[in-house]
PDB file of N, CA and C in Angstrom:
ATOM      1  N   MET A   1      28.467 -12.887  10.161  1.00  0.00           N
ATOM      2  CA  MET A   1      30.487 -12.686  11.793  1.00  0.00           C
ATOM      3  C   MET A   1      29.053 -13.520  12.985  1.00  0.00           C
ATOM      4  N   ASP A   2      29.337 -14.539  13.427  1.00  0.00           N
ATOM      5  CA  ASP A   2      28.559 -14.648  14.400  1.00  0.00           C
ATOM      6  C   ASP A   2      29.416 -14.523  16.192  1.00  0.00           C
ATOM      7  N   PHE A   3      28.384 -13.528  16.688  1.00  0.00           N
ATOM      8  CA  PHE A   3      28.389 -13.777  17.635  1.00  0.00           C
ATOM      9  C   PHE A   3      27.563 -13.840  18.831  1.00  0.00           C
ATOM     10  N   THR A   4      27.910 -13.469  20.549  1.00  0.00           N
ATOM     11  CA  THR A   4      26.795 -13.501  20.889  1.00  0.00           C
ATOM     12  C   THR A   4      26.732 -12.333  21.922  1.00  0.00           C
ATOM     13  N   CYS A   5      25.451 -11.707  22.520  1.00  0.00           N
ATOM     14  CA  CYS A   5      25.336 -10.569  23.113  1.00  0.00           C
ATOM     15  C   CYS A   5      24.317 -10.173  24.887  1.00  0.00           C
ATOM     16  N   LYS A   6      25.022  -9.270  25.348  1.00  0.00           N
ATOM     17  CA  LYS A   6      24.673  -9.648  27.110  1.00  0.00           C
ATOM     18  C   LYS A   6      24.036  -8.690  27.116  1.00  0.00           C
ATOM     19  N   ILE A   7      23.027  -8.184  26.883  1.00  0.00           N
ATOM     20  CA  ILE A   7      22.142  -7.137  27.130  1.00  0.00           C
ATOM     21  C   ILE A   7      21.285  -7.053  28.697  1.00  0.00           C
ATOM     22  N   LYS A   8      21.573  -5.360  29.077  1.00  0.00           N
ATOM     23  CA  LYS A   8      20.970  -5.493  30.617  1.00  0.00           C
ATOM     24  C   LYS A   8      20.364  -4.037  30.107  1.00  0.00           C
ATOM     25  N   LEU A   9      18.889  -4.135  30.371  1.00  0.00           N
ATOM     26  CA  LEU A   9      17.864  -3.507  30.607  1.00  0.00           C
ATOM     27  C   LEU A   9      17.842  -2.308  30.784  1.00  0.00           C
ATOM     28  N   VAL A  10      17.969  -0.859  30.913  1.00  0.00           N
ATOM     29  CA  VAL A  10      18.188   0.047  31.837  1.00  0.00           C
ATOM     30  C   VAL A  10      16.996   0.740  31.277  1.00  0.00           C
ATOM     31  N   ASP A  11      17.216   1.802  31.856  1.00  0.00           N
ATOM     32  CA  ASP A  11      15.533   2.932  31.687  1.00  0.00           C
ATOM     33  C   ASP A  11      16.067   4.463  32.120  1.00  0.00           C
ATOM     34  N   PHE A  12      16.732   4.408  31.246  1.00  0.00           N
ATOM     35  CA  PHE A  12      18.008   6.588  31.317  1.00  0.00           C
ATOM     36  C   PHE A  12      17.385   7.375  29.952  1.00  0.00           C
ATOM     37  N   GLY A  13      15.615   7.382  30.754  1.00  0.00           N
ATOM     38  CA  GLY A  13      15.756   8.311  29.561  1.00  0.00           C
ATOM     39  C   GLY A  13      15.897   8.245  28.458  1.00  0.00           C
ATOM     40  N   SER A  14      16.389   8.147  26.915  1.00  0.00           N
ATOM     41  CA  SER A  14      16.416   7.304  25.720  1.00  0.00           C
ATOM     42  C   SER A  14      17.490   6.346  25.182  1.00  0.00           C
ATOM     43  N   LEU A  15      17.990   5.720  26.627  1.00  0.00           N
ATOM     44  CA  LEU A  15      19.051   4.808  26.593  1.00  0.00           C
ATOM     45  C   LEU A  15      18.345   3.834  27.252  1.00  0.00           C
ATOM     46  N   LYS A  16      18.218   3.355  26.529  1.00  0.00           N
ATOM     47  CA  LYS A  16      17.166   1.557  26.967  1.00  0.00           C
ATOM     48  C   LYS A  16      18.063   0.621  27.206  1.00  0.00           C
ATOM     49  N   ALA A  17      19.233  -0.364  26.934  1.00  0.00           N
ATOM     50  CA  ALA A  17      20.078  -0.920  27.033  1.00  0.00           C
ATOM     51  C   ALA A  17      21.344  -0.595  26.886  1.00  0.00           C
ATOM     52  N   LEU A  18      22.463  -1.078  27.711  1.00  0.00           N
ATOM     53  CA  LEU A  18      23.976  -1.605  27.482  1.00  0.00           C
ATOM     54  C   LEU A  18      24.123  -3.108  27.598  1.00  0.00           C
ATOM     55  N   VAL A  19      24.962  -2.849  26.033  1.00  0.00           N
ATOM     56  CA  VAL A  19      24.649  -4.218  25.901  1.00  0.00           C
ATOM     57  C   VAL A  19      26.302  -4.943  25.750  1.00  0.00           C
ATOM     58  N   SER A  20      26.940  -5.752  25.471  1.00  0.00           N
ATOM     59  CA  SER A  20      28.793  -6.962  26.097  1.00  0.00           C
ATOM     60  C   SER A  20      28.089  -7.742  23.985  1.00  0.00           C
ATOM     61  N   VAL A  21      29.473  -7.810  23.766  1.00  0.00           N
ATOM     62  CA  VAL A  21      29.449  -8.109  22.972  1.00  0.00           C
ATOM     63  C   VAL A  21      29.995  -9.432  22.918  1.00  0.00           C
ATOM     64  N   VAL A  22      30.080 -10.782  22.763  1.00  0.00           N
ATOM     65  CA  VAL A  22      31.235 -11.700  22.919  1.00  0.00           C
ATOM     66  C   VAL A  22      31.273 -12.599  20.663  1.00  0.00           C
ATOM     67  N   ILE A  23      32.776 -12.028  20.326  1.00  0.00           N
ATOM     68  CA  ILE A  23      33.021 -12.198  19.500  1.00  0.00           C
ATOM     69  C   ILE A  23      34.425 -13.548  19.551  1.00  0.00           C
ATOM     70  N   GLY A  24      34.443 -14.453  19.200  1.00  0.00           N
ATOM     71  CA  GLY A  24      35.011 -15.831  19.906  1.00  0.00           C
ATOM     72  C   GLY A  24      35.787 -15.587  21.141  1.00  0.00           C
ATOM     73  N   GLY A  25      36.986 -15.555  21.469  1.00  0.00           N
ATOM     74  CA  GLY A  25      36.884 -15.305  23.031  1.00  0.00           C
ATOM     75  C   GLY A  25      37.340 -13.991  23.552  1.00  0.00           C
ATOM     76  N   MET A  26      36.657 -13.285  23.206  1.00  0.00           N
ATOM     77  CA  MET A  26      36.929 -11.367  23.085  1.00  0.00           C
ATOM     78  C   MET A  26      35.370 -10.728  23.339  1.00  0.00           C
ATOM     79  N   GLU A  27      35.068 -10.412  24.876  1.00  0.00           N
ATOM     80  CA  GLU A  27      34.201  -9.343  24.806  1.00  0.00           C
ATOM     81  C   GLU A  27      34.212  -7.753  24.191  1.00  0.00           C
ATOM     82  N   ILE A  28      33.592  -7.105  23.765  1.00  0.00           N
ATOM     83  CA  ILE A  28      33.457  -5.887  23.753  1.00  0.00           C
ATOM     84  C   ILE A  28      32.319  -5.157  24.956  1.00  0.00           C
ATOM     85  N   ARG A  29      32.739  -5.036  25.308  1.00  0.00           N
ATOM     86  CA  ARG A  29      31.656  -3.511  26.577  1.00  0.00           C
ATOM     87  C   ARG A  29      31.004  -2.547  25.454  1.00  0.00           C
ATOM     88  N   GLY A  30      30.277  -1.956  25.694  1.00  0.00           N
ATOM     89  CA  GLY A  30      30.416  -0.330  25.773  1.00  0.00           C
ATOM     90  C   GLY A  30      29.396  -0.032  24.437  1.00  0.00           C
ATOM     91  N   PHE A  31      28.252  -0.958  23.747  1.00  0.00           N
ATOM     92  CA  PHE A  31      27.416  -1.197  23.437  1.00  0.00           C
ATOM     93  C   PHE A  31      26.260  -0.345  23.846  1.00  0.00           C
ATOM     94  N   LYS A  32      25.096  -0.067  22.876  1.00  0.00           N
ATOM     95  CA  LYS A  32      24.255   0.596  23.457  1.00  0.00           C
ATOM     96  C   LYS A  32      22.535   0.824  22.861  1.00  0.00           C
ATOM     97  N   VAL A  33      21.826   0.590  23.020  1.00  0.00           N
ATOM     98  CA  VAL A  33      20.674   0.632  22.552  1.00  0.00           C
ATOM     99  C   VAL A  33      20.098   1.771  23.168  1.00  0.00           C
ATOM    100  N   ILE A  34      20.097   3.359  22.007  1.00  0.00           N
ATOM    101  CA  ILE A  34      19.238   3.920  21.905  1.00  0.00           C
ATOM    102  C   ILE A  34      17.407   4.399  21.007  1.00  0.00           C
ATOM    103  N   ASP A  35      16.202   4.237  22.289  1.00  0.00           N
ATOM    104  CA  ASP A  35      15.446   4.006  21.804  1.00  0.00           C
ATOM    105  C   ASP A  35      15.001   5.839  21.740  1.00  0.00           C
ATOM    106  N   ARG A  36      14.773   6.945  20.867  1.00  0.00           N
ATOM    107  CA  ARG A  36      13.856   7.983  21.347  1.00  0.00           C
ATOM    108  C   ARG A  36      12.364   7.326  21.201  1.00  0.00           C
ATOM    109  N   GLY A  37      11.961   6.857  20.801  1.00  0.00           N
ATOM    110  CA  GLY A  37      10.136   6.225  21.005  1.00  0.00           C
ATOM    111  C   GLY A  37       9.669   7.142  19.455  1.00  0.00           C
ATOM    112  N   ASN A  38       9.924   8.777  18.984  1.00  0.00           N
ATOM    113  CA  ASN A  38       9.419   9.044  17.673  1.00  0.00           C
ATOM    114  C   ASN A  38      10.348   8.077  17.003  1.00  0.00           C
ATOM    115  N   GLU A  39      11.582   7.774  17.445  1.00  0.00           N
ATOM    116  CA  GLU A  39      12.187   7.452  15.761  1.00  0.00           C
ATOM    117  C   GLU A  39      13.164   6.007  15.471  1.00  0.00           C
ATOM    118  N   LYS A  40      13.235   4.760  15.372  1.00  0.00           N
ATOM    119  CA  LYS A  40      14.053   3.853  15.120  1.00  0.00           C
ATOM    120  C   LYS A  40      14.502   3.558  16.288  1.00  0.00           C
ATOM    121  N   PRO A  41      14.543   2.320  17.006  1.00  0.00           N
ATOM    122  CA  PRO A  41      16.435   2.480  18.034  1.00  0.00           C
ATOM    123  C   PRO A  41      17.087   2.025  16.345  1.00  0.00           C
ATOM    124  N   TRP A  42      18.085   2.149  18.026  1.00  0.00           N
ATOM    125  CA  TRP A  42      19.637   1.950  16.843  1.00  0.00           C
ATOM    126  C   TRP A  42      20.437   1.579  18.115  1.00  0.00           C
ATOM    127  N   VAL A  43      21.073   1.027  17.366  1.00  0.00           N
ATOM    128  CA  VAL A  43      22.487   0.266  18.188  1.00  0.00           C
ATOM    129  C   VAL A  43      23.703   1.660  17.960  1.00  0.00           C
ATOM    130  N   SER A  44      24.787   1.931  19.576  1.00  0.00           N
ATOM    131  CA  SER A  44      25.303   3.063  19.304  1.00  0.00           C
ATOM    132  C   SER A  44      26.720   1.883  19.814  1.00  0.00           C
ATOM    133  N   PRO A  45      27.756   2.506  19.578  1.00  0.00           N
ATOM    134  CA  PRO A  45      29.148   1.952  19.419  1.00  0.00           C
ATOM    135  C   PRO A  45      29.376   1.818  21.043  1.00  0.00           C
ATOM    136  N   PRO A  46      30.507   1.741  21.329  1.00  0.00           N
ATOM    137  CA  PRO A  46      31.189   2.135  21.876  1.00  0.00           C
ATOM    138  C   PRO A  46      31.737   3.714  22.101  1.00  0.00           C
ATOM    139  N   SER A  47      32.036   4.637  22.716  1.00  0.00           N
ATOM    140  CA  SER A  47      32.988   5.500  22.197  1.00  0.00           C
ATOM    141  C   SER A  47      33.777   6.361  23.292  1.00  0.00           C
ATOM    142  N   ARG A  48      34.514   7.195  23.056  1.00  0.00           N
ATOM    143  CA  ARG A  48      35.152   8.267  23.535  1.00  0.00           C
ATOM    144  C   ARG A  48      34.890   9.658  23.732  1.00  0.00           C
ATOM    145  N   GLU A  49      34.372  10.142  24.802  1.00  0.00           N
ATOM    146  CA  GLU A  49      34.675  11.891  24.556  1.00  0.00           C
ATOM    147  C   GLU A  49      36.047  12.744  24.851  1.00  0.00           C
ATOM    148  N   ILE A  50      35.686  13.172  24.078  1.00  0.00           N
ATOM    149  CA  ILE A  50      36.856  13.656  24.326  1.00  0.00           C
ATOM    150  C   ILE A  50      36.242  14.981  24.400  1.00  0.00           C
ATOM    151  N   ILE A  51      37.480  16.949  24.790  1.00  0.00           N
ATOM    152  CA  ILE A  51      36.710  17.919  24.380  1.00  0.00           C
ATOM    153  C   ILE A  51      37.870  18.476  23.778  1.00  0.00           C
ATOM    154  N   LYS A  52      37.911  19.568  22.807  1.00  0.00           N
ATOM    155  CA  LYS A  52      38.139  19.853  21.591  1.00  0.00           C
ATOM    156  C   LYS A  52      38.242  21.137  21.367  1.00  0.00           C
ATOM    157  N   CYS A  53      38.713  21.880  21.499  1.00  0.00           N
ATOM    158  CA  CYS A  53      38.326  23.441  21.865  1.00  0.00           C
ATOM    159  C   CYS A  53      37.015  23.694  22.498  1.00  0.00           C
ATOM    160  N   GLY A  54      37.090  23.110  23.817  1.00  0.00           N
ATOM    161  CA  GLY A  54      36.449  23.986  24.771  1.00  0.00           C
ATOM    162  C   GLY A  54      35.227  22.545  23.856  1.00  0.00           C
ATOM    163  N   LYS A  55      35.139  22.150  23.883  1.00  0.00           N
ATOM    164  CA  LYS A  55      33.560  21.543  22.713  1.00  0.00           C
ATOM    165  C   LYS A  55      33.369  19.831  22.705  1.00  0.00           C
ATOM    166  N   LYS A  56      32.899  19.283  23.622  1.00  0.00           N
ATOM    167  CA  LYS A  56      32.447  17.842  23.332  1.00  0.00           C
ATOM    168  C   LYS A  56      32.024  17.460  21.816  1.00  0.00           C
ATOM    169  N   GLU A  57      33.287  16.369  21.991  1.00  0.00           N
ATOM    170  CA  GLU A  57      32.822  15.376  20.463  1.00  0.00           C
ATOM    171  C   GLU A  57      33.194  13.744  20.856  1.00  0.00           C
ATOM    172  N   TYR A  58      32.300  13.166  20.603  1.00  0.00           N
ATOM    173  CA  TYR A  58      32.759  11.333  21.134  1.00  0.00           C
ATOM    174  C   TYR A  58      33.330  10.767  19.558  1.00  0.00           C
ATOM    175  N   TYR A  59      33.960   9.877  19.435  1.00  0.00           N
ATOM    176  CA  TYR A  59      34.996   9.638  18.519  1.00  0.00           C
ATOM    177  C   TYR A  59      34.646   7.901  18.523  1.00  0.00           C
ATOM    178  N   ASN A  60      34.221   7.018  17.691  1.00  0.00           N
ATOM    179  CA  ASN A  60      33.751   5.263  18.267  1.00  0.00           C
ATOM    180  C   ASN A  60      34.689   4.277  18.471  1.00  0.00           C
ATOM    181  N   ILE A  61      34.771   4.329  19.223  1.00  0.00           N
ATOM    182  CA  ILE A  61      35.894   2.851  19.337  1.00  0.00           C
ATOM    183  C   ILE A  61      35.955   2.288  18.637  1.00  0.00           C
ATOM    184  N   VAL A  62      34.738   1.507  18.607  1.00  0.00           N
ATOM    185  CA  VAL A  62      34.790   0.334  17.527  1.00  0.00           C
ATOM    186  C   VAL A  62      34.191   0.528  15.929  1.00  0.00           C
ATOM    187  N   ARG A  63      35.310   0.793  15.130  1.00  0.00           N
ATOM    188  CA  ARG A  63      34.007   0.526  13.562  1.00  0.00           C
ATOM    189  C   ARG A  63      34.003   0.041  12.659  1.00  0.00           C
ATOM    190  N   PHE A  64      32.957  -1.165  12.179  1.00  0.00           N
ATOM    191  CA  PHE A  64      32.009  -1.939  10.658  1.00  0.00           C
ATOM    192  C   PHE A  64      33.045  -1.579   9.540  1.00  0.00           C
ATOM    193  N   GLU A  65      33.493  -3.115   9.342  1.00  0.00           N
ATOM    194  CA  GLU A  65      34.513  -2.915   8.119  1.00  0.00           C
ATOM    195  C   GLU A  65      33.220  -2.471   6.707  1.00  0.00           C
ATOM    196  N   SER A  66      32.261  -2.786   6.818  1.00  0.00           N
ATOM    197  CA  SER A  66      31.500  -2.376   6.207  1.00  0.00           C
ATOM    198  C   SER A  66      30.363  -2.041   6.548  1.00  0.00           C
ATOM    199  N   LYS A  67      29.493  -1.006   5.902  1.00  0.00           N
ATOM    200  CA  LYS A  67      27.412  -1.212   6.306  1.00  0.00           C
ATOM    201  C   LYS A  67      26.841  -2.370   6.740  1.00  0.00           C
ATOM    202  N   GLU A  68      27.613  -3.552   5.750  1.00  0.00           N
ATOM    203  CA  GLU A  68      26.658  -4.757   5.331  1.00  0.00           C
ATOM    204  C   GLU A  68      25.964  -5.569   6.460  1.00  0.00           C
ATOM    205  N   ASP A  69      27.582  -4.568   7.361  1.00  0.00           N
ATOM    206  CA  ASP A  69      27.911  -5.756   8.362  1.00  0.00           C
ATOM    207  C   ASP A  69      27.557  -5.141   9.665  1.00  0.00           C
ATOM    208  N   GLN A  70      27.915  -3.777   9.700  1.00  0.00           N
ATOM    209  CA  GLN A  70      27.172  -3.060  10.914  1.00  0.00           C
ATOM    210  C   GLN A  70      25.588  -2.898  11.007  1.00  0.00           C
ATOM    211  N   GLU A  71      24.837  -2.689   9.723  1.00  0.00           N
ATOM    212  CA  GLU A  71      22.739  -3.154   9.589  1.00  0.00           C
ATOM    213  C   GLU A  71      23.263  -4.257  10.423  1.00  0.00           C
ATOM    214  N   ARG A  72      23.892  -5.804   9.463  1.00  0.00           N
ATOM    215  CA  ARG A  72      23.323  -7.636   9.694  1.00  0.00           C
ATOM    216  C   ARG A  72      23.876  -7.302  11.853  1.00  0.00           C
ATOM    217  N   PHE A  73      24.692  -6.422  12.471  1.00  0.00           N
ATOM    218  CA  PHE A  73      25.365  -6.501  13.501  1.00  0.00           C
ATOM    219  C   PHE A  73      23.695  -5.927  14.216  1.00  0.00           C
ATOM    220  N   ASP A  74      23.827  -4.658  13.703  1.00  0.00           N
ATOM    221  CA  ASP A  74      23.059  -3.815  14.794  1.00  0.00           C
ATOM    222  C   ASP A  74      21.153  -4.930  14.316  1.00  0.00           C
ATOM    223  N   ALA A  75      20.447  -5.534  13.444  1.00  0.00           N
ATOM    224  CA  ALA A  75      19.658  -5.682  14.183  1.00  0.00           C
ATOM    225  C   ALA A  75      19.794  -7.033  14.385  1.00  0.00           C
ATOM    226  N   LYS A  76      20.870  -8.003  14.616  1.00  0.00           N
ATOM    227  CA  LYS A  76      20.407  -9.301  15.587  1.00  0.00           C
ATOM    228  C   LYS A  76      21.198  -8.224  16.631  1.00  0.00           C
ATOM    229  N   VAL A  77      21.219  -7.216  17.254  1.00  0.00           N
ATOM    230  CA  VAL A  77      21.241  -6.937  18.594  1.00  0.00           C
ATOM    231  C   VAL A  77      20.242  -6.517  19.109  1.00  0.00           C
ATOM    232  N   LEU A  78      19.515  -5.860  17.501  1.00  0.00           N
ATOM    233  CA  LEU A  78      18.309  -5.076  18.159  1.00  0.00           C
ATOM    234  C   LEU A  78      17.015  -5.694  18.707  1.00  0.00           C
ATOM    235  N   GLU A  79      16.903  -7.609  17.625  1.00  0.00           N
ATOM    236  CA  GLU A  79      15.895  -8.574  17.561  1.00  0.00           C
ATOM    237  C   GLU A  79      16.001  -9.334  19.328  1.00  0.00           C
ATOM    238  N   GLN A  80      17.309  -9.079  19.862  1.00  0.00           N
ATOM    239  CA  GLN A  80      17.598  -9.503  21.555  1.00  0.00           C
ATOM    240  C   GLN A  80      17.100  -8.808  21.978  1.00  0.00           C
ATOM    241  N   TYR A  81      16.938  -7.297  21.340  1.00  0.00           N
ATOM    242  CA  TYR A  81      16.541  -6.303  22.626  1.00  0.00           C
ATOM    243  C   TYR A  81      15.484  -6.384  22.378  1.00  0.00           C
ATOM    244  N   ARG A  82      14.641  -6.184  21.457  1.00  0.00           N
ATOM    245  CA  ARG A  82      12.949  -6.834  21.032  1.00  0.00           C
ATOM    246  C   ARG A  82      12.558  -8.192  22.444  1.00  0.00           C
ATOM    247  N   SER A  83      13.630  -9.010  22.116  1.00  0.00           N
ATOM    248  CA  SER A  83      12.545  -9.974  22.883  1.00  0.00           C
ATOM    249  C   SER A  83      12.875  -9.974  24.118  1.00  0.00           C
ATOM    250  N   GLU A  84      13.829  -9.506  24.682  1.00  0.00           N
ATOM    251  CA  GLU A  84      14.498  -9.594  26.396  1.00  0.00           C
ATOM    252  C   GLU A  84      13.500  -8.448  26.926  1.00  0.00           C
ATOM    253  N   SER A  85      13.447  -7.224  25.851  1.00  0.00           N
ATOM    254  CA  SER A  85      12.240  -6.300  26.455  1.00  0.00           C
ATOM    255  C   SER A  85      10.731  -6.248  26.325  1.00  0.00           C
ATOM    256  N   GLY A  86      10.488  -7.663  25.835  1.00  0.00           N
ATOM    257  CA  GLY A  86       9.474  -7.304  26.019  1.00  0.00           C
ATOM    258  C   GLY A  86       8.366  -7.399  24.857  1.00  0.00           C
ATOM    259  N   LEU A  87       9.309  -6.529  23.977  1.00  0.00           N
ATOM    260  CA  LEU A  87       8.386  -5.367  22.505  1.00  0.00           C
ATOM    261  C   LEU A  87       8.134  -6.474  21.559  1.00  0.00           C
ATOM    262  N   PRO A  88       7.545  -5.651  21.356  1.00  0.00           N
ATOM    263  CA  PRO A  88       6.653  -7.037  19.636  1.00  0.00           C
ATOM    264  C   PRO A  88       8.122  -7.003  18.871  1.00  0.00           C
ATOM    265  N   PRO A  89       8.324  -8.424  17.526  1.00  0.00           N
ATOM    266  CA  PRO A  89       8.977  -7.620  16.433  1.00  0.00           C
ATOM    267  C   PRO A  89       9.669  -7.060  15.760  1.00  0.00           C
ATOM    268  N   ALA A  90      10.354  -6.248  15.191  1.00  0.00           N
ATOM    269  CA  ALA A  90      10.519  -4.914  14.255  1.00  0.00           C
ATOM    270  C   ALA A  90       9.598  -4.842  13.234  1.00  0.00           C
ATOM    271  N   MET A  91       8.764  -4.008  12.638  1.00  0.00           N
ATOM    272  CA  MET A  91       8.415  -4.104  12.211  1.00  0.00           C
ATOM    273  C   MET A  91       8.851  -2.929  11.067  1.00  0.00           C
ATOM    274  N   PRO A  92       9.433  -3.168   9.628  1.00  0.00           N
ATOM    275  CA  PRO A  92       9.733  -2.886   8.380  1.00  0.00           C
ATOM    276  C   PRO A  92       8.968  -1.688   8.546  1.00  0.00           C
ATOM    277  N   GLU A  93       8.287  -1.956   7.994  1.00  0.00           N
ATOM    278  CA  GLU A  93       6.988  -0.335   7.400  1.00  0.00           C
ATOM    279  C   GLU A  93       6.774   0.382   8.433  1.00  0.00           C
ATOM    280  N   ARG A  94       6.944   0.010   9.723  1.00  0.00           N
ATOM    281  CA  ARG A  94       6.656   1.240  10.656  1.00  0.00           C
ATOM    282  C   ARG A  94       7.827   1.898  11.109  1.00  0.00           C
ATOM    283  N   GLU A  95       9.410   1.646  11.009  1.00  0.00           N
ATOM    284  CA  GLU A  95      10.153   1.783  10.958  1.00  0.00           C
ATOM    285  C   GLU A  95      10.691   2.744   9.658  1.00  0.00           C
ATOM    286  N   ALA A  96      10.230   2.482   8.944  1.00  0.00           N
ATOM    287  CA  ALA A  96      11.019   2.775   7.785  1.00  0.00           C
ATOM    288  C   ALA A  96       9.786   4.687   7.528  1.00  0.00           C
ATOM    289  N   GLN A  97       8.151   4.394   7.614  1.00  0.00           N
ATOM    290  CA  GLN A  97       7.607   5.385   8.515  1.00  0.00           C
ATOM    291  C   GLN A  97       8.363   6.504   9.123  1.00  0.00           C
ATOM    292  N   LEU A  98       8.409   5.975  10.496  1.00  0.00           N
ATOM    293  CA  LEU A  98       9.423   7.111  11.324  1.00  0.00           C
ATOM    294  C   LEU A  98      11.085   7.573  11.132  1.00  0.00           C
ATOM    295  N   GLU A  99      11.849   6.116  10.326  1.00  0.00           N
ATOM    296  CA  GLU A  99      12.534   7.102   9.637  1.00  0.00           C
ATOM    297  C   GLU A  99      12.760   8.282   9.003  1.00  0.00           C
ATOM    298  N   ALA A 100      11.213   8.128   7.511  1.00  0.00           N
ATOM    299  CA  ALA A 100      10.616   8.719   6.946  1.00  0.00           C
ATOM    300  C   ALA A 100      10.738  10.291   7.480  1.00  0.00           C
ATOM    301  N   LEU A 101      10.067  10.086   8.611  1.00  0.00           N
ATOM    302  CA  LEU A 101       9.605  11.393   9.035  1.00  0.00           C
ATOM    303  C   LEU A 101      10.524  11.752  10.039  1.00  0.00           C
ATOM    304  N   SER A 102      11.986  11.917  10.828  1.00  0.00           N
ATOM    305  CA  SER A 102      12.809  11.823  11.263  1.00  0.00           C
ATOM    306  C   SER A 102      13.690  12.853  10.470  1.00  0.00           C
ATOM    307  N   TYR A 103      13.139  12.309   8.916  1.00  0.00           N
ATOM    308  CA  TYR A 103      14.227  13.515   7.824  1.00  0.00           C
ATOM    309  C   TYR A 103      13.688  14.160   8.284  1.00  0.00           C
ATOM    310  N   PHE A 104      12.661  14.638   8.481  1.00  0.00           N
ATOM    311  CA  PHE A 104      12.132  15.997   8.003  1.00  0.00           C
ATOM    312  C   PHE A 104      12.254  16.965   9.496  1.00  0.00           C
ATOM    313  N   LYS A 105      13.567  16.319  10.087  1.00  0.00           N
ATOM    314  CA  LYS A 105      13.285  17.184  11.300  1.00  0.00           C
ATOM    315  C   LYS A 105      14.135  17.670  11.473  1.00  0.00           C
TER     316      LYS A 105
END
């Protein structure tokens, strides 16, 4: 999957970046980089809030055909986010530790 992304750094709590993705001649806006500090950062796809039976629910607007495609997409977006925000490159062993710890929450 060949694409470019435009990243706007923000600092609204755990929301760290707003991301637009250009694939071919189409731009998809609304991706977000979420980083809570004690977990590895992740990319959240554009979503829509719906109130169902008085409760808020969120539905993704963009969906990937395979988990592998989503993982490659997320890795590229996070790599560019780290580069633009001045964060060090991903450390797979540290992210694996954070993921393991978040499992027990």
